[in-house]
Amino acid sequence: MRNDHPAVGSAPPESQERPEPRGPRLGRRQLLTGTLLGAASAPFAASAAQAAPRATTPAAAGVPARSVVPGADRAHADGWSVLAGERVGVITNPTGVLRSLRNVVDEMHASGAVDLVGVFGPEHGFRGTAQAGGSEGTFVDERTGLTVYDAYGAGVAKMTELFRAADVETVVFDIQDVGARFYTYIWTMWTAMQAAVATGSRFVVLDRPNPVGGTARGPMMAAGYTSGVGAKEIVQAHGMTVGELARFFDGEFLPDVAGARLDRLDVVEVAGWRRDVTFAGTGLDFVMPSPNMPTPDTALAYPGTCMFEGTNLSEGRGTTRPFELIGAPYVDHRWAAALTEAGLPGVLFREAYFNPTFNKHAGTVCGGVQVTVDDPARFDPVRTGVAMLVTAAGLYPEFAWREDSWDPARPFWIDKLTGSPRLRQQIDAGATTDDVVAAWQDELAEFDRRRQQYLLYRGPRS
């Protein structure tokens, strides 16, 4: 199972804009705001905003550059008081950094303010040295002396065992997600939340922006097609931060699956982020969440182009532009021409040729396209991915769906990525892009309605 192909929609109704930041919500599921974190975080955020020029790109409209302050930085500015007095285990990877780019575990350890009892490494590992589908194993971290437990692929029973071995009281999650259901870090969080219920542990999310914005898109996962690339019923591009997802999981799924909600869930919110802001508008430095997610541009395309993992076309692994370069040895100039003619909003298609160094078609020249998002505000990655699939299937008799022999009951990988056989069956039957996208509108609208009560950040579109 991999993350940047992990294996372990149309716009929803507009919501009335509300002022930000929202006030603290107290009680058993306390939401940590600037007020609760203390005065130290407020000047930290304000000084960053005052010192920077105002951005003018559409993705950052109305948002001052570098005014976005992740939850980790806010907790750090408050001396990690949110974690004081408890034995803390941290689930993180190289993206768990402060704006200084210093790793949060290294910073917590050096501060002496946090009683760290263990680190839990997801796919690719805590320090990020493993390729897709790999981990770093369990080891003692040289810098901190902490035991790093291998949590990649761990089920609930194993994760519970790890938390008990480390004697954890508070579990902290701090990983940069990229907004797609099939990116596995959110399912590591889901497993950890179930284990936290079993151990009675508090769960704290140090929140980060969703780099592709806050609009939900695409089809719903069907219960019969859950897997490591979609463990529960959410849509393909969920449009939430990990903090919002944690609240959604806690309210919608944990009572039925784990028998109870978390005893305590705290989210240290991102300051200054709005749902209409993609990563380019945050002013933050992008740290690769996984080896094949090198840039924010990759993340923008990924919720749509990752579907090509379910075909015999290369999704660009083995190139320097994975999920942006898509092609196969049988593809020619006609694909780029047809996609350009389709006039999809916010995206350009360049006729491209590439030779992957590994993965599909390694060592073979592939024809195809490079996907370039030129207007993130208008770009719909899932619809674009569908249009690319429909066009490729119509042009090339050699087009085929990838089959997996290890799962004979559900042999098509595209069904796991899209959540059901529907998309594959529609395209095989000659459906248009509009036909395919129309099929999920009701389920998307229902998901958008359900998620509203768990959202923390507002903007022109929720």
Protein backbone atom coordinates (compact mmCIF):
# COMPACT_ATOMS: atom_id res chain seq x y z
CA MET A 1 0.00 0.00 0.00
CA ARG A 2 1.36 3.32 -0.98
CA ASN A 3 0.66 6.90 -0.28
CA ASP A 4 1.44 8.93 -3.31
CA HIS A 5 -0.24 6.25 -5.02
CA PRO A 6 -1.24 5.18 -1.64
CA ALA A 7 -2.18 1.77 -1.25
CA VAL A 8 -1.85 0.90 3.03
CA GLY A 9 -16.83 17.06 -7.48
CA SER A 10 -18.51 19.45 -8.83
CA ALA A 11 -18.82 22.46 -6.54
CA PRO A 12 -21.04 22.00 -3.48
CA PRO A 13 -23.64 24.57 -2.50
CA GLU A 14 -22.17 27.85 -1.39
CA SER A 15 -22.38 28.59 2.32
CA GLN A 16 -22.81 32.03 3.79
CA GLU A 17 -19.45 33.43 4.75
CA ARG A 18 -18.90 33.79 8.48
CA PRO A 19 -16.33 35.94 10.26
CA GLU A 20 -13.00 34.38 11.14
CA PRO A 21 -11.60 33.34 13.50
CA ARG A 22 -14.50 31.58 15.13
CA GLY A 23 -14.80 31.61 18.90
CA PRO A 24 -13.64 28.77 21.15
CA ARG A 25 -15.89 25.79 21.66
CA LEU A 26 -15.48 24.48 25.17
CA GLY A 27 -16.39 21.15 26.66
CA ARG A 28 -15.33 17.52 26.35
CA ARG A 29 -14.24 17.97 22.75
CA GLN A 30 -12.47 21.25 23.34
CA LEU A 31 -11.39 23.19 20.27
CA LEU A 32 -8.10 24.96 20.82
CA THR A 33 -8.15 28.51 19.51
CA GLY A 34 -5.78 31.42 19.94
CA THR A 35 -7.62 32.40 23.11
CA LEU A 36 -7.17 28.97 24.65
CA LEU A 37 -3.56 28.71 23.59
CA GLY A 38 -2.74 31.97 25.29
CA ALA A 39 -1.53 35.39 24.31
CA ALA A 40 1.75 34.18 22.86
CA SER A 41 0.17 32.86 19.66
CA ALA A 42 -1.73 36.02 18.78
CA PRO A 43 1.23 38.35 18.30
CA PHE A 44 3.08 35.57 16.50
CA ALA A 45 0.35 35.36 13.83
CA ALA A 46 -0.18 39.09 13.69
CA SER A 47 3.47 39.96 13.22
CA ALA A 48 3.75 37.57 10.27
CA ALA A 49 0.73 39.14 8.62
CA GLN A 50 1.91 42.71 9.14
CA ALA A 51 5.37 42.08 7.79
CA ALA A 52 4.37 40.51 4.49
CA PRO A 53 2.96 41.98 1.28
CA ARG A 54 -0.56 41.11 0.23
CA ALA A 55 -0.82 38.34 -2.35
CA THR A 56 -2.69 38.99 -5.58
CA THR A 57 -3.06 35.53 -7.11
CA PRO A 58 -6.63 34.17 -7.38
CA ALA A 59 -5.78 31.28 -5.06
CA ALA A 60 -4.72 33.74 -2.38
CA ALA A 61 -7.25 36.50 -2.90
CA GLY A 62 -7.58 38.57 0.25
CA VAL A 63 -4.98 36.54 2.15
CA PRO A 64 -1.68 38.18 3.10
CA ALA A 65 1.35 36.14 2.12
CA ARG A 66 2.80 34.16 5.05
CA SER A 67 -0.17 35.04 7.24
CA VAL A 68 -1.12 31.35 7.45
CA VAL A 69 0.15 29.85 10.71
CA PRO A 70 -0.12 26.06 11.09
CA GLY A 71 -1.28 24.54 14.35
CA ALA A 72 2.23 23.32 15.18
CA ASP A 73 3.62 26.86 15.08
CA ARG A 74 0.83 28.14 17.29
CA ALA A 75 1.44 25.37 19.85
CA HIS A 76 5.18 26.06 19.72
CA ALA A 77 4.63 29.78 20.23
CA ASP A 78 2.67 28.94 23.37
CA GLY A 79 5.49 26.82 24.78
CA TRP A 80 3.71 23.54 23.94
CA SER A 81 1.38 24.16 26.88
CA VAL A 82 -1.36 22.22 25.07
CA LEU A 83 0.69 19.07 25.73
CA ALA A 84 1.91 19.87 29.24
CA GLY A 85 1.75 17.24 31.97
CA GLU A 86 0.99 14.23 29.77
CA ARG A 87 3.02 11.42 28.19
CA VAL A 88 2.97 12.25 24.48
CA GLY A 89 3.35 10.10 21.39
CA VAL A 90 3.60 11.81 18.00
CA ILE A 91 2.50 10.51 14.59
CA THR A 92 4.42 12.57 12.07
CA ASN A 93 6.82 12.58 9.15
CA PRO A 94 9.06 15.16 7.40
CA THR A 95 6.05 17.44 6.82
CA GLY A 96 5.62 17.91 10.58
CA VAL A 97 7.71 21.07 10.67
CA LEU A 98 7.50 24.57 12.01
CA ARG A 99 7.73 27.51 9.62
CA SER A 100 11.45 27.52 10.46
CA LEU A 101 11.41 24.03 8.83
CA ARG A 102 12.57 22.44 12.08
CA ASN A 103 10.87 19.10 12.81
CA VAL A 104 8.24 19.29 15.55
CA VAL A 105 9.58 16.24 17.38
CA ASP A 106 13.10 17.66 17.41
CA GLU A 107 11.71 20.99 18.64
CA MET A 108 9.51 19.40 21.35
CA HIS A 109 12.43 17.30 22.54
CA ALA A 110 14.88 20.20 22.61
CA SER A 111 12.41 22.39 24.50
CA GLY A 112 12.14 20.06 27.45
CA ALA A 113 8.50 21.14 27.75
CA VAL A 114 6.99 17.94 26.35
CA ASP A 115 7.23 14.47 27.92
CA LEU A 116 7.78 12.56 24.69
CA VAL A 117 7.48 8.79 25.05
CA GLY A 118 7.50 7.71 21.41
CA VAL A 119 7.13 8.54 17.74
CA PHE A 120 5.00 6.59 15.27
CA GLY A 121 6.14 6.49 11.65
CA PRO A 122 3.57 6.18 8.82
CA GLU A 123 4.23 5.08 5.24
CA HIS A 124 7.64 6.36 4.07
CA GLY A 125 8.72 6.65 7.72
CA PHE A 126 9.26 9.33 10.35
CA ARG A 127 12.35 10.72 8.62
CA GLY A 128 10.95 9.98 5.14
CA THR A 129 13.62 7.63 3.83
CA ALA A 130 11.32 4.89 2.45
CA GLN A 131 9.78 4.76 -1.02
CA ALA A 132 6.11 4.14 -1.78
CA GLY A 133 4.80 1.06 -0.02
CA GLY A 134 7.66 1.03 2.50
CA SER A 135 8.55 2.08 6.03
CA GLU A 136 11.62 2.58 8.18
CA GLY A 137 10.81 -0.14 10.69
CA THR A 138 11.09 0.34 14.45
CA PHE A 139 14.31 1.98 15.62
CA VAL A 140 15.83 4.38 18.13
CA ASP A 141 16.13 7.85 16.65
CA GLU A 142 19.74 9.01 16.81
CA ARG A 143 18.94 12.69 17.32
CA THR A 144 16.40 12.39 20.14
CA GLY A 145 16.98 8.92 21.59
CA LEU A 146 13.24 8.24 21.20
CA THR A 147 11.86 4.93 20.01
CA VAL A 148 10.24 5.33 16.61
CA TYR A 149 7.56 2.67 16.20
CA ASP A 150 6.68 1.36 12.75
CA ALA A 151 2.99 2.18 12.35
CA TYR A 152 2.77 1.70 8.59
CA GLY A 153 0.09 -0.84 7.74
CA ALA A 154 -0.80 -1.31 11.41
CA GLY A 155 -4.38 -2.30 12.11
CA VAL A 156 -6.27 -1.13 15.16
CA ALA A 157 -5.04 -3.99 17.34
CA LYS A 158 -1.41 -3.37 16.40
CA MET A 159 -1.72 0.41 16.83
CA THR A 160 -3.31 -0.13 20.24
CA GLU A 161 -0.42 -2.39 21.17
CA LEU A 162 2.10 0.26 20.10
CA PHE A 163 0.36 2.98 22.14
CA ARG A 164 0.38 0.74 25.20
CA ALA A 165 4.03 -0.21 24.67
CA ALA A 166 4.94 3.48 24.64
CA ASP A 167 2.63 4.20 27.61
CA VAL A 168 0.99 7.06 25.72
CA GLU A 169 -1.57 9.35 27.35
CA THR A 170 -1.86 11.86 24.47
CA VAL A 171 -1.54 11.05 20.78
CA VAL A 172 -0.50 13.96 18.54
CA PHE A 173 -1.07 13.85 14.77
CA ASP A 174 0.90 16.29 12.61
CA ILE A 175 1.18 15.36 8.93
CA GLN A 176 0.51 17.44 5.82
CA ASP A 177 -2.31 15.83 3.87
CA VAL A 178 -3.00 16.56 0.18
CA GLY A 179 -6.79 16.35 0.17
CA ALA A 180 -7.49 13.06 -1.64
CA ARG A 181 -9.26 10.00 -0.21
CA PHE A 182 -6.58 7.67 -1.56
CA TYR A 183 -3.67 9.42 0.18
CA THR A 184 -3.11 7.07 3.10
CA TYR A 185 -2.03 9.38 5.93
CA ILE A 186 -5.65 10.18 6.80
CA TRP A 187 -6.29 6.46 7.24
CA THR A 188 -3.28 6.19 9.55
CA MET A 189 -5.01 8.92 11.57
CA TRP A 190 -8.32 7.00 11.47
CA THR A 191 -6.62 3.85 12.76
CA ALA A 192 -4.86 5.85 15.48
CA MET A 193 -8.16 7.40 16.55
CA GLN A 194 -9.68 3.95 17.01
CA ALA A 195 -6.64 2.88 19.03
CA ALA A 196 -6.95 6.05 21.12
CA VAL A 197 -10.52 5.07 21.99
CA ALA A 198 -9.28 1.62 23.03
CA THR A 199 -6.54 3.07 25.25
CA GLY A 200 -8.49 6.05 26.55
CA SER A 201 -5.91 8.40 25.09
CA ARG A 202 -6.47 12.03 24.31
CA PHE A 203 -6.09 12.89 20.61
CA VAL A 204 -4.56 16.18 19.45
CA VAL A 205 -4.33 17.32 15.82
CA LEU A 206 -1.85 20.06 14.95
CA ASP A 207 -3.76 21.21 11.92
CA ARG A 208 -2.42 22.24 8.49
CA PRO A 209 -4.09 23.70 5.37
CA ASN A 210 -5.64 21.50 2.74
CA PRO A 211 -3.29 22.36 -0.17
CA VAL A 212 -6.00 21.95 -2.81
CA GLY A 213 -8.58 24.07 -0.98
CA GLY A 214 -11.77 23.32 0.88
CA THR A 215 -14.26 22.26 -1.82
CA ALA A 216 -15.51 18.66 -1.74
CA ARG A 217 -15.55 16.87 -5.10
CA GLY A 218 -16.07 13.47 -6.64
CA PRO A 219 -17.77 10.15 -5.93
CA MET A 220 -18.46 8.57 -2.55
CA MET A 221 -16.70 5.44 -1.33
CA ALA A 222 -19.08 2.47 -1.27
CA ALA A 223 -18.85 0.23 1.79
CA GLY A 224 -18.07 -2.87 -0.25
CA TYR A 225 -15.00 -1.25 -1.83
CA THR A 226 -13.16 0.06 1.22
CA SER A 227 -9.42 -0.63 1.37
CA GLY A 228 -6.18 1.00 2.43
CA VAL A 229 -6.85 3.73 -0.14
CA GLY A 230 -10.29 4.49 1.25
CA ALA A 231 -11.18 2.93 4.58
CA LYS A 232 -14.47 4.77 5.17
CA GLU A 233 -17.23 6.51 3.26
CA ILE A 234 -15.97 9.94 2.21
CA VAL A 235 -15.80 11.50 -1.26
CA GLN A 236 -12.75 11.41 -3.50
CA ALA A 237 -11.57 14.98 -2.78
CA HIS A 238 -12.86 15.53 0.75
CA GLY A 239 -12.10 19.27 0.94
CA MET A 240 -11.19 19.19 4.64
CA THR A 241 -8.10 19.68 6.75
CA VAL A 242 -6.94 16.73 8.86
CA GLY A 243 -8.35 18.50 11.92
CA GLU A 244 -11.76 18.75 10.28
CA LEU A 245 -11.54 15.13 9.15
CA ALA A 246 -10.70 14.05 12.70
CA ARG A 247 -13.85 15.82 13.92
CA PHE A 248 -15.86 14.16 11.11
CA PHE A 249 -14.43 10.70 11.89
CA ASP A 250 -15.10 11.20 15.59
CA GLY A 251 -18.70 12.23 15.10
CA GLU A 252 -19.71 10.07 12.13
CA PHE A 253 -17.71 6.84 12.31
CA LEU A 254 -16.16 6.15 15.73
CA PRO A 255 -19.40 5.48 17.65
CA ASP A 256 -20.34 2.62 15.29
CA VAL A 257 -16.85 1.26 14.62
CA ALA A 258 -15.12 1.72 17.99
CA GLY A 259 -18.18 1.76 20.23
CA ALA A 260 -17.52 5.30 21.47
CA ARG A 261 -16.19 8.67 20.50
CA LEU A 262 -12.80 9.87 21.65
CA ASP A 263 -12.74 10.84 25.30
CA ARG A 264 -11.09 14.10 24.22
CA LEU A 265 -10.31 15.48 20.78
CA ASP A 266 -8.42 18.77 20.47
CA VAL A 267 -7.61 20.55 17.22
CA VAL A 268 -5.02 23.33 17.27
CA GLU A 269 -6.34 25.32 14.34
CA VAL A 270 -4.47 26.92 11.46
CA ALA A 271 -4.60 30.71 11.76
CA GLY A 272 -5.41 32.71 8.65
CA TRP A 273 -6.46 29.94 6.26
CA ARG A 274 -9.64 30.12 4.17
CA ARG A 275 -11.25 27.36 2.14
CA ASP A 276 -10.64 29.14 -1.17
CA VAL A 277 -6.86 29.23 -0.62
CA THR A 278 -4.64 26.60 -2.20
CA PHE A 279 -1.08 26.01 -1.03
CA ALA A 280 0.41 28.69 -3.26
CA GLY A 281 -1.58 31.29 -1.34
CA THR A 282 -0.43 30.25 2.12
CA GLY A 283 3.13 31.58 1.93
CA LEU A 284 4.32 28.33 3.52
CA ASP A 285 7.23 26.27 2.26
CA PHE A 286 6.14 22.95 0.75
CA VAL A 287 7.80 19.88 2.24
CA MET A 288 7.27 16.72 0.18
CA PRO A 289 4.74 14.54 2.03
CA SER A 290 6.00 11.52 0.07
CA PRO A 291 8.58 10.84 -2.66
CA ASN A 292 6.10 11.15 -5.53
CA MET A 293 4.40 14.32 -4.26
CA PRO A 294 7.22 16.78 -5.01
CA THR A 295 5.35 20.09 -5.42
CA PRO A 296 2.05 21.83 -4.67
CA ASP A 297 1.33 21.58 -8.41
CA THR A 298 1.43 17.79 -8.05
CA ALA A 299 -1.08 17.99 -5.22
CA LEU A 300 -3.50 20.07 -7.31
CA ALA A 301 -3.65 17.45 -10.06
CA TYR A 302 -3.44 14.36 -7.84
CA PRO A 303 -7.14 13.90 -6.84
CA GLY A 304 -7.88 13.38 -10.54
CA THR A 305 -4.75 12.01 -12.17
CA CYS A 306 -4.13 9.39 -9.49
CA MET A 307 -7.00 7.52 -11.15
CA PHE A 308 -4.54 6.59 -13.88
CA GLU A 309 -2.97 4.18 -11.41
CA GLY A 310 -6.03 2.09 -12.19
CA THR A 311 -5.16 1.92 -15.91
CA ASN A 312 -2.32 0.69 -18.11
CA LEU A 313 -1.12 4.28 -18.62
CA SER A 314 1.82 5.56 -16.62
CA GLU A 315 0.85 8.12 -13.99
CA GLY A 316 4.32 9.61 -14.28
CA ARG A 317 6.13 7.61 -11.62
CA GLY A 318 9.77 7.39 -12.53
CA THR A 319 9.73 10.96 -13.86
CA THR A 320 10.32 14.28 -12.13
CA ARG A 321 6.63 15.19 -12.61
CA PRO A 322 4.56 12.30 -11.26
CA PHE A 323 0.79 12.74 -11.56
CA GLU A 324 1.36 15.62 -13.97
CA LEU A 325 2.90 13.56 -16.80
CA ILE A 326 0.45 10.88 -17.94
CA GLY A 327 0.94 8.57 -20.91
CA ALA A 328 1.69 5.21 -22.47
CA PRO A 329 3.70 3.83 -25.42
CA TYR A 330 0.52 3.71 -27.52
CA VAL A 331 -0.55 7.33 -26.89
CA ASP A 332 0.11 9.95 -29.57
CA HIS A 333 -0.54 13.63 -30.26
CA ARG A 334 -4.29 13.12 -30.61
CA TRP A 335 -4.87 12.90 -26.84
CA ALA A 336 -3.44 16.35 -26.10
CA ALA A 337 -5.37 17.81 -29.03
CA ALA A 338 -8.67 16.27 -27.88
CA LEU A 339 -8.21 17.41 -24.28
CA THR A 340 -7.36 20.92 -25.38
CA GLU A 341 -10.44 20.95 -27.61
CA ALA A 342 -12.59 19.94 -24.61
CA GLY A 343 -11.89 23.35 -23.04
CA LEU A 344 -11.73 22.15 -19.43
CA PRO A 345 -11.54 25.13 -17.07
CA GLY A 346 -8.35 26.07 -15.26
CA VAL A 347 -6.05 23.54 -16.94
CA LEU A 348 -3.75 23.29 -19.96
CA PHE A 349 -2.49 20.12 -21.67
CA ARG A 350 0.95 20.01 -23.27
CA GLU A 351 1.75 17.18 -25.68
CA ALA A 352 4.58 15.37 -23.90
CA TYR A 353 6.92 12.39 -24.28
CA PHE A 354 8.77 10.77 -21.39
CA ASN A 355 10.72 7.65 -20.45
CA PRO A 356 9.97 6.45 -16.90
CA THR A 357 12.96 5.18 -14.93
CA PHE A 358 10.81 2.84 -12.82
CA ASN A 359 7.22 1.60 -12.39
CA LYS A 360 4.94 1.25 -15.43
CA HIS A 361 6.63 1.26 -18.85
CA ALA A 362 10.08 1.75 -17.29
CA GLY A 363 12.69 2.26 -19.98
CA THR A 364 10.06 2.80 -22.71
CA VAL A 365 9.17 6.09 -24.36
CA CYS A 366 5.60 7.09 -23.60
CA GLY A 367 3.47 9.61 -25.43
CA GLY A 368 0.96 11.61 -23.45
CA VAL A 369 0.31 14.94 -21.82
CA GLN A 370 1.62 17.17 -19.09
CA VAL A 371 -1.22 18.56 -16.95
CA THR A 372 -0.68 22.21 -15.99
CA VAL A 373 -3.12 23.94 -13.66
CA ASP A 374 -3.20 27.59 -14.71
CA ASP A 375 -6.20 28.70 -12.61
CA PRO A 376 -6.71 26.74 -9.37
CA ALA A 377 -9.92 28.64 -8.60
CA ARG A 378 -11.60 27.20 -11.72
CA PHE A 379 -9.85 23.83 -11.84
CA ASP A 380 -11.78 20.68 -10.86
CA PRO A 381 -9.23 17.85 -10.60
CA VAL A 382 -11.76 15.02 -10.43
CA ARG A 383 -13.78 16.14 -13.45
CA THR A 384 -10.51 16.72 -15.33
CA GLY A 385 -9.32 13.21 -14.48
CA VAL A 386 -12.62 11.77 -15.70
CA ALA A 387 -12.36 13.70 -18.98
CA MET A 388 -8.84 12.36 -19.46
CA LEU A 389 -10.00 8.77 -18.87
CA VAL A 390 -13.03 9.11 -21.16
CA THR A 391 -10.93 10.63 -23.95
CA ALA A 392 -8.11 8.08 -23.68
CA ALA A 393 -10.56 5.16 -23.66
CA GLY A 394 -12.30 6.57 -26.73
CA LEU A 395 -9.13 7.19 -28.71
CA TYR A 396 -7.03 4.10 -28.05
CA PRO A 397 -8.14 0.45 -28.31
CA GLU A 398 -5.08 -0.45 -26.23
CA PHE A 399 -6.48 1.42 -23.20
CA ALA A 400 -7.17 -1.02 -20.36
CA TRP A 401 -7.99 -1.11 -16.65
CA ARG A 402 -5.34 -2.45 -14.31
CA GLU A 403 -6.27 -5.75 -12.68
CA ASP A 404 -4.96 -7.06 -9.35
CA SER A 405 -4.72 -10.82 -8.98
CA TRP A 406 -4.48 -10.61 -5.18
CA ASP A 407 -8.13 -9.48 -4.89
CA PRO A 408 -10.16 -11.65 -7.27
CA ALA A 409 -13.48 -10.47 -5.80
CA ARG A 410 -12.60 -6.83 -6.60
CA PRO A 411 -9.91 -7.14 -9.27
CA PHE A 412 -9.97 -3.61 -10.70
CA TRP A 413 -7.79 -1.04 -8.92
CA ILE A 414 -9.79 1.82 -10.40
CA ASP A 415 -12.83 0.62 -8.40
CA LYS A 416 -10.89 0.99 -5.14
CA LEU A 417 -9.63 4.43 -6.15
CA THR A 418 -13.05 5.75 -7.20
CA GLY A 419 -15.01 3.89 -4.54
CA SER A 420 -17.15 1.56 -6.66
CA PRO A 421 -17.33 -0.10 -10.12
CA ARG A 422 -19.62 2.67 -11.40
CA LEU A 423 -17.05 4.91 -13.11
CA ARG A 424 -15.35 1.99 -14.84
CA GLN A 425 -18.63 0.53 -16.01
CA GLN A 426 -19.88 3.88 -17.29
CA ILE A 427 -16.73 4.56 -19.30
CA ASP A 428 -16.77 1.02 -20.72
CA ALA A 429 -20.37 1.66 -21.82
CA GLY A 430 -19.38 4.85 -23.66
CA ALA A 431 -20.54 7.44 -21.13
CA THR A 432 -19.50 11.06 -21.55
CA THR A 433 -17.66 13.09 -18.93
CA ASP A 434 -20.93 14.83 -18.06
CA ASP A 435 -22.66 11.46 -17.62
CA VAL A 436 -19.98 10.21 -15.24
CA VAL A 437 -19.86 13.38 -13.16
CA ALA A 438 -23.66 13.63 -12.97
CA ALA A 439 -23.86 10.17 -11.41
CA TRP A 440 -22.32 11.28 -8.11
CA GLN A 441 -23.99 14.65 -7.57
CA ASP A 442 -26.59 13.49 -5.03
CA GLU A 443 -24.09 11.61 -2.87
CA LEU A 444 -21.67 14.52 -3.05
CA ALA A 445 -24.38 16.95 -1.92
CA GLU A 446 -25.29 14.67 0.99
CA PHE A 447 -21.65 14.37 2.06
CA ASP A 448 -21.27 18.14 1.88
CA ARG A 449 -24.34 18.56 4.08
CA ARG A 450 -23.04 16.08 6.67
CA ARG A 451 -19.59 17.62 6.91
CA GLN A 452 -20.74 21.19 7.55
CA GLN A 453 -21.01 20.84 11.34
CA TYR A 454 -17.37 19.68 11.54
CA LEU A 455 -15.77 22.46 9.48
CA LEU A 456 -13.49 24.95 11.24
CA TYR A 457 -12.54 27.32 8.43
CA ARG A 458 -14.71 29.46 6.20
CA GLY A 459 -14.54 31.29 2.91
CA PRO A 460 -16.63 32.04 -0.14
CA ARG A 461 -17.14 28.33 -0.68
CA SER A 462 -17.49 25.71 2.04
